N, C-alpha and C. Protein backbone atom coordinates (compact mmCIF):
# COMPACT_ATOMS: atom_id res chain seq x y z
N MET A 1 -1.99 -18.67 -8.53
CA MET A 1 -2.25 -18.17 -9.87
C MET A 1 -2.86 -16.78 -9.79
N VAL A 2 -2.32 -15.85 -10.55
CA VAL A 2 -2.82 -14.48 -10.57
C VAL A 2 -3.81 -14.35 -11.72
N VAL A 3 -5.00 -13.90 -11.39
CA VAL A 3 -6.02 -13.70 -12.41
C VAL A 3 -6.08 -12.22 -12.73
N GLN A 4 -5.80 -11.88 -13.97
CA GLN A 4 -5.81 -10.48 -14.38
C GLN A 4 -7.14 -10.19 -15.05
N ARG A 5 -7.96 -9.41 -14.35
CA ARG A 5 -9.26 -9.09 -14.91
C ARG A 5 -9.12 -7.95 -15.92
N GLU A 6 -10.04 -7.94 -16.84
CA GLU A 6 -10.03 -6.91 -17.87
C GLU A 6 -10.53 -5.59 -17.27
N LEU A 7 -10.01 -4.51 -17.79
CA LEU A 7 -10.42 -3.19 -17.32
C LEU A 7 -11.78 -2.84 -17.90
N SER A 8 -12.66 -2.34 -17.06
CA SER A 8 -13.95 -1.84 -17.54
C SER A 8 -13.73 -0.45 -18.14
N ASP A 9 -14.73 0.04 -18.86
CA ASP A 9 -14.63 1.40 -19.41
C ASP A 9 -14.45 2.41 -18.29
N ALA A 10 -15.14 2.20 -17.16
CA ALA A 10 -15.01 3.13 -16.03
C ALA A 10 -13.59 3.09 -15.46
N ASP A 11 -13.00 1.89 -15.39
CA ASP A 11 -11.61 1.77 -14.92
C ASP A 11 -10.66 2.54 -15.83
N VAL A 12 -10.83 2.34 -17.12
CA VAL A 12 -9.97 3.01 -18.10
C VAL A 12 -10.12 4.53 -17.98
N ASP A 13 -11.35 5.00 -17.85
CA ASP A 13 -11.58 6.43 -17.70
C ASP A 13 -10.88 6.97 -16.45
N ARG A 14 -11.01 6.26 -15.31
CA ARG A 14 -10.36 6.71 -14.07
C ARG A 14 -8.85 6.73 -14.20
N ILE A 15 -8.29 5.70 -14.81
CA ILE A 15 -6.84 5.62 -14.95
C ILE A 15 -6.30 6.76 -15.79
N PHE A 16 -6.90 6.98 -16.96
CA PHE A 16 -6.35 8.00 -17.85
C PHE A 16 -6.69 9.42 -17.40
N ARG A 17 -7.79 9.60 -16.69
CA ARG A 17 -8.03 10.92 -16.08
C ARG A 17 -6.99 11.20 -15.01
N ALA A 18 -6.68 10.18 -14.22
CA ALA A 18 -5.67 10.35 -13.18
C ALA A 18 -4.31 10.67 -13.79
N LEU A 19 -3.97 9.99 -14.86
CA LEU A 19 -2.66 10.19 -15.49
C LEU A 19 -2.59 11.44 -16.37
N ALA A 20 -3.72 12.10 -16.56
CA ALA A 20 -3.74 13.32 -17.37
C ALA A 20 -3.06 14.49 -16.67
N ASP A 21 -2.84 14.37 -15.37
CA ASP A 21 -2.24 15.45 -14.60
C ASP A 21 -0.75 15.16 -14.36
N ALA A 22 0.09 16.15 -14.61
CA ALA A 22 1.54 15.97 -14.51
C ALA A 22 1.97 15.64 -13.08
N THR A 23 1.36 16.26 -12.09
CA THR A 23 1.73 15.98 -10.69
C THR A 23 1.41 14.53 -10.35
N ARG A 24 0.26 14.05 -10.77
CA ARG A 24 -0.10 12.66 -10.48
C ARG A 24 0.83 11.68 -11.20
N ARG A 25 1.19 11.99 -12.44
CA ARG A 25 2.16 11.13 -13.14
C ARG A 25 3.48 11.10 -12.38
N ASP A 26 3.89 12.24 -11.86
CA ASP A 26 5.14 12.32 -11.11
C ASP A 26 5.04 11.52 -9.80
N ILE A 27 3.91 11.57 -9.14
CA ILE A 27 3.73 10.78 -7.92
C ILE A 27 3.83 9.30 -8.23
N VAL A 28 3.21 8.86 -9.31
CA VAL A 28 3.33 7.46 -9.71
C VAL A 28 4.79 7.12 -9.98
N ARG A 29 5.47 7.97 -10.70
CA ARG A 29 6.89 7.73 -11.01
C ARG A 29 7.71 7.62 -9.73
N ARG A 30 7.48 8.51 -8.79
CA ARG A 30 8.24 8.53 -7.54
C ARG A 30 7.97 7.28 -6.68
N THR A 31 6.78 6.74 -6.81
CA THR A 31 6.41 5.60 -5.96
C THR A 31 6.63 4.25 -6.65
N LEU A 32 7.09 4.26 -7.89
CA LEU A 32 7.39 3.00 -8.57
C LEU A 32 8.57 2.27 -7.93
N GLY A 33 9.50 3.03 -7.39
CA GLY A 33 10.69 2.45 -6.78
C GLY A 33 10.49 1.96 -5.37
N GLY A 34 9.37 2.29 -4.76
CA GLY A 34 9.11 1.88 -3.38
C GLY A 34 8.17 2.85 -2.69
N GLU A 35 7.84 2.49 -1.48
CA GLU A 35 6.90 3.31 -0.71
C GLU A 35 7.50 4.66 -0.34
N GLN A 36 6.62 5.65 -0.32
CA GLN A 36 6.98 6.97 0.16
C GLN A 36 5.83 7.47 1.02
N SER A 37 6.16 8.26 2.00
CA SER A 37 5.09 8.84 2.81
C SER A 37 4.46 10.00 2.03
N VAL A 38 3.20 10.24 2.33
CA VAL A 38 2.52 11.37 1.69
C VAL A 38 3.22 12.66 2.07
N SER A 39 3.73 12.74 3.31
CA SER A 39 4.46 13.93 3.75
C SER A 39 5.72 14.16 2.92
N ALA A 40 6.45 13.09 2.65
CA ALA A 40 7.67 13.22 1.83
C ALA A 40 7.32 13.63 0.42
N LEU A 41 6.24 13.09 -0.11
CA LEU A 41 5.81 13.49 -1.46
C LEU A 41 5.43 14.96 -1.47
N ALA A 42 4.67 15.39 -0.46
CA ALA A 42 4.20 16.77 -0.40
C ALA A 42 5.36 17.76 -0.35
N ALA A 43 6.45 17.36 0.27
CA ALA A 43 7.61 18.25 0.37
C ALA A 43 8.24 18.52 -0.99
N GLU A 44 7.94 17.68 -1.98
CA GLU A 44 8.53 17.82 -3.32
C GLU A 44 7.78 18.80 -4.22
N TYR A 45 6.60 19.26 -3.79
CA TYR A 45 5.76 20.09 -4.66
C TYR A 45 5.47 21.43 -4.02
N GLU A 46 5.29 22.41 -4.87
CA GLU A 46 4.95 23.75 -4.41
C GLU A 46 3.43 23.89 -4.33
N MET A 47 2.85 23.07 -3.46
CA MET A 47 1.41 23.12 -3.22
C MET A 47 1.19 22.65 -1.80
N SER A 48 -0.01 22.84 -1.32
CA SER A 48 -0.31 22.46 0.05
C SER A 48 -0.30 20.94 0.22
N PHE A 49 -0.14 20.53 1.46
CA PHE A 49 -0.22 19.11 1.79
C PHE A 49 -1.59 18.56 1.40
N ALA A 50 -2.64 19.35 1.64
CA ALA A 50 -4.00 18.93 1.30
C ALA A 50 -4.15 18.70 -0.20
N ALA A 51 -3.50 19.53 -1.01
CA ALA A 51 -3.58 19.36 -2.47
C ALA A 51 -2.90 18.06 -2.89
N VAL A 52 -1.76 17.76 -2.29
CA VAL A 52 -1.07 16.50 -2.60
C VAL A 52 -1.93 15.32 -2.16
N GLN A 53 -2.57 15.43 -0.99
CA GLN A 53 -3.47 14.38 -0.53
C GLN A 53 -4.59 14.13 -1.53
N LYS A 54 -5.11 15.20 -2.12
CA LYS A 54 -6.17 15.05 -3.13
C LYS A 54 -5.64 14.32 -4.36
N HIS A 55 -4.43 14.64 -4.80
CA HIS A 55 -3.82 13.94 -5.93
C HIS A 55 -3.66 12.45 -5.60
N VAL A 56 -3.20 12.17 -4.40
CA VAL A 56 -3.02 10.78 -3.96
C VAL A 56 -4.37 10.06 -3.96
N ALA A 57 -5.42 10.74 -3.51
CA ALA A 57 -6.75 10.13 -3.47
C ALA A 57 -7.24 9.77 -4.87
N VAL A 58 -6.98 10.64 -5.84
CA VAL A 58 -7.37 10.37 -7.23
C VAL A 58 -6.62 9.14 -7.75
N LEU A 59 -5.32 9.08 -7.47
CA LEU A 59 -4.52 7.93 -7.91
C LEU A 59 -4.96 6.64 -7.22
N GLU A 60 -5.32 6.75 -5.96
CA GLU A 60 -5.79 5.57 -5.22
C GLU A 60 -7.13 5.09 -5.77
N ALA A 61 -8.03 6.02 -6.09
CA ALA A 61 -9.33 5.65 -6.66
C ALA A 61 -9.17 4.97 -8.02
N ALA A 62 -8.11 5.33 -8.74
CA ALA A 62 -7.83 4.72 -10.05
C ALA A 62 -7.03 3.42 -9.89
N HIS A 63 -6.68 3.07 -8.66
CA HIS A 63 -5.91 1.86 -8.34
C HIS A 63 -4.49 1.91 -8.92
N LEU A 64 -4.00 3.13 -9.15
CA LEU A 64 -2.63 3.29 -9.65
C LEU A 64 -1.63 3.27 -8.51
N ILE A 65 -2.09 3.59 -7.30
CA ILE A 65 -1.25 3.49 -6.12
C ILE A 65 -2.04 2.80 -5.02
N VAL A 66 -1.29 2.29 -4.06
CA VAL A 66 -1.88 1.66 -2.88
C VAL A 66 -1.40 2.46 -1.68
N LYS A 67 -2.33 2.79 -0.79
CA LYS A 67 -1.99 3.57 0.40
C LYS A 67 -2.22 2.70 1.63
N ARG A 68 -1.30 2.82 2.58
CA ARG A 68 -1.48 2.09 3.84
C ARG A 68 -1.00 2.96 4.99
N ALA A 69 -1.55 2.67 6.16
CA ALA A 69 -1.16 3.41 7.35
C ALA A 69 -0.05 2.67 8.07
N GLU A 70 0.90 3.44 8.54
CA GLU A 70 1.94 2.91 9.43
C GLU A 70 2.12 3.94 10.53
N GLY A 71 1.50 3.66 11.66
CA GLY A 71 1.49 4.66 12.73
C GLY A 71 0.68 5.86 12.26
N ARG A 72 1.28 7.02 12.39
CA ARG A 72 0.59 8.25 11.96
C ARG A 72 0.84 8.58 10.50
N GLU A 73 1.77 7.87 9.90
CA GLU A 73 2.10 8.15 8.50
C GLU A 73 1.23 7.35 7.55
N ARG A 74 1.03 7.93 6.37
CA ARG A 74 0.36 7.23 5.26
C ARG A 74 1.40 7.01 4.20
N LEU A 75 1.61 5.74 3.88
CA LEU A 75 2.62 5.38 2.88
C LEU A 75 1.92 4.97 1.60
N VAL A 76 2.51 5.37 0.48
CA VAL A 76 1.93 5.02 -0.82
C VAL A 76 3.00 4.38 -1.69
N ARG A 77 2.54 3.47 -2.54
CA ARG A 77 3.42 2.84 -3.52
C ARG A 77 2.60 2.63 -4.78
N ALA A 78 3.28 2.62 -5.90
CA ALA A 78 2.61 2.38 -7.19
C ALA A 78 2.12 0.94 -7.23
N ASP A 79 1.01 0.73 -7.93
CA ASP A 79 0.47 -0.61 -8.12
C ASP A 79 0.85 -1.09 -9.51
N PRO A 80 1.89 -1.93 -9.61
CA PRO A 80 2.37 -2.35 -10.93
C PRO A 80 1.34 -3.15 -11.72
N GLU A 81 0.41 -3.81 -11.03
CA GLU A 81 -0.61 -4.59 -11.74
C GLU A 81 -1.51 -3.68 -12.58
N THR A 82 -2.00 -2.60 -11.97
CA THR A 82 -2.85 -1.68 -12.72
C THR A 82 -2.07 -0.97 -13.81
N ILE A 83 -0.84 -0.59 -13.51
CA ILE A 83 0.00 0.05 -14.52
C ILE A 83 0.23 -0.90 -15.68
N GLY A 84 0.43 -2.17 -15.39
CA GLY A 84 0.60 -3.18 -16.44
C GLY A 84 -0.64 -3.33 -17.30
N ARG A 85 -1.81 -3.28 -16.66
CA ARG A 85 -3.06 -3.38 -17.43
C ARG A 85 -3.21 -2.18 -18.36
N ALA A 86 -2.87 -1.00 -17.85
CA ALA A 86 -2.96 0.21 -18.70
C ALA A 86 -1.97 0.10 -19.86
N ARG A 87 -0.77 -0.40 -19.58
CA ARG A 87 0.24 -0.58 -20.63
C ARG A 87 -0.26 -1.57 -21.68
N SER A 88 -0.89 -2.65 -21.24
CA SER A 88 -1.43 -3.65 -22.18
C SER A 88 -2.51 -3.05 -23.06
N LEU A 89 -3.36 -2.22 -22.47
CA LEU A 89 -4.42 -1.57 -23.23
C LEU A 89 -3.82 -0.65 -24.30
N LEU A 90 -2.81 0.11 -23.92
CA LEU A 90 -2.16 1.00 -24.89
C LEU A 90 -1.47 0.19 -25.99
N ALA A 91 -0.88 -0.93 -25.63
CA ALA A 91 -0.24 -1.78 -26.64
C ALA A 91 -1.28 -2.34 -27.61
N GLU A 92 -2.45 -2.67 -27.09
CA GLU A 92 -3.53 -3.15 -27.95
C GLU A 92 -3.96 -2.06 -28.93
N TYR A 93 -4.10 -0.84 -28.44
CA TYR A 93 -4.44 0.28 -29.33
C TYR A 93 -3.35 0.50 -30.37
N GLU A 94 -2.09 0.38 -29.94
CA GLU A 94 -0.98 0.55 -30.89
C GLU A 94 -1.05 -0.49 -32.00
N ARG A 95 -1.28 -1.75 -31.63
CA ARG A 95 -1.39 -2.82 -32.64
C ARG A 95 -2.52 -2.53 -33.61
N LEU A 96 -3.65 -2.09 -33.09
CA LEU A 96 -4.80 -1.77 -33.92
C LEU A 96 -4.45 -0.69 -34.94
N TRP A 97 -3.85 0.41 -34.46
CA TRP A 97 -3.54 1.51 -35.37
C TRP A 97 -2.42 1.16 -36.34
N ARG A 98 -1.44 0.40 -35.90
CA ARG A 98 -0.37 -0.03 -36.82
C ARG A 98 -0.94 -0.91 -37.93
N SER A 99 -1.87 -1.80 -37.59
CA SER A 99 -2.47 -2.65 -38.62
C SER A 99 -3.29 -1.81 -39.60
N ARG A 100 -3.96 -0.78 -39.11
CA ARG A 100 -4.71 0.10 -40.00
C ARG A 100 -3.77 0.89 -40.92
N ILE A 101 -2.67 1.36 -40.38
CA ILE A 101 -1.70 2.09 -41.19
C ILE A 101 -1.06 1.17 -42.22
N ASP A 102 -0.74 -0.06 -41.79
CA ASP A 102 -0.19 -1.04 -42.75
C ASP A 102 -1.17 -1.30 -43.88
N ARG A 103 -2.44 -1.45 -43.56
CA ARG A 103 -3.47 -1.68 -44.59
C ARG A 103 -3.57 -0.48 -45.52
N LEU A 104 -3.51 0.72 -44.97
CA LEU A 104 -3.54 1.93 -45.79
C LEU A 104 -2.33 1.97 -46.73
N ASP A 105 -1.16 1.62 -46.22
CA ASP A 105 0.05 1.56 -47.05
C ASP A 105 -0.13 0.57 -48.20
N GLU A 106 -0.74 -0.58 -47.91
CA GLU A 106 -1.00 -1.58 -48.95
C GLU A 106 -1.94 -1.02 -50.02
N LEU A 107 -2.98 -0.35 -49.59
CA LEU A 107 -3.93 0.23 -50.55
C LEU A 107 -3.27 1.30 -51.41
N LEU A 108 -2.44 2.12 -50.81
CA LEU A 108 -1.74 3.15 -51.56
C LEU A 108 -0.75 2.53 -52.55
N ALA A 109 -0.10 1.46 -52.13
CA ALA A 109 0.85 0.78 -53.04
C ALA A 109 0.12 0.17 -54.21
N GLU A 110 -1.08 -0.38 -53.97
CA GLU A 110 -1.88 -0.94 -55.06
C GLU A 110 -2.25 0.14 -56.07
N ASN A 111 -2.58 1.33 -55.59
CA ASN A 111 -2.93 2.45 -56.47
C ASN A 111 -1.73 2.92 -57.28
N ASP A 112 -0.53 2.85 -56.70
CA ASP A 112 0.68 3.24 -57.42
C ASP A 112 0.99 2.27 -58.56
N ASP A 113 0.61 1.02 -58.40
CA ASP A 113 0.86 -0.01 -59.42
C ASP A 113 -0.06 0.17 -60.63
N ASP A 114 -1.18 0.84 -60.44
CA ASP A 114 -2.16 1.01 -61.55
C ASP A 114 -1.75 2.03 -62.54
């Protein structure tokens, strides 16, 4: 049985700060399909290897990716569990705002009837 724990405020902050950067979002996208080496990822960007490593470290701290060693290489893959939790949180916010908009529509319709 998989127990899905709720995200703390600190978790949410780390996740969305990590995803606020386009390069980090792209790294997550590239690693959703499977593992990639940090070297292969670095070759895709016009920045230093060290800069890509820093982006990977931010994503790893947010638990959006998982990094493992295989020999001298470091392989990373997206963590679908954390991505799913973030998606659930956004869906919850969407439901909240849609219900507020629906209520506002109802109030406006009541005023039109008067």
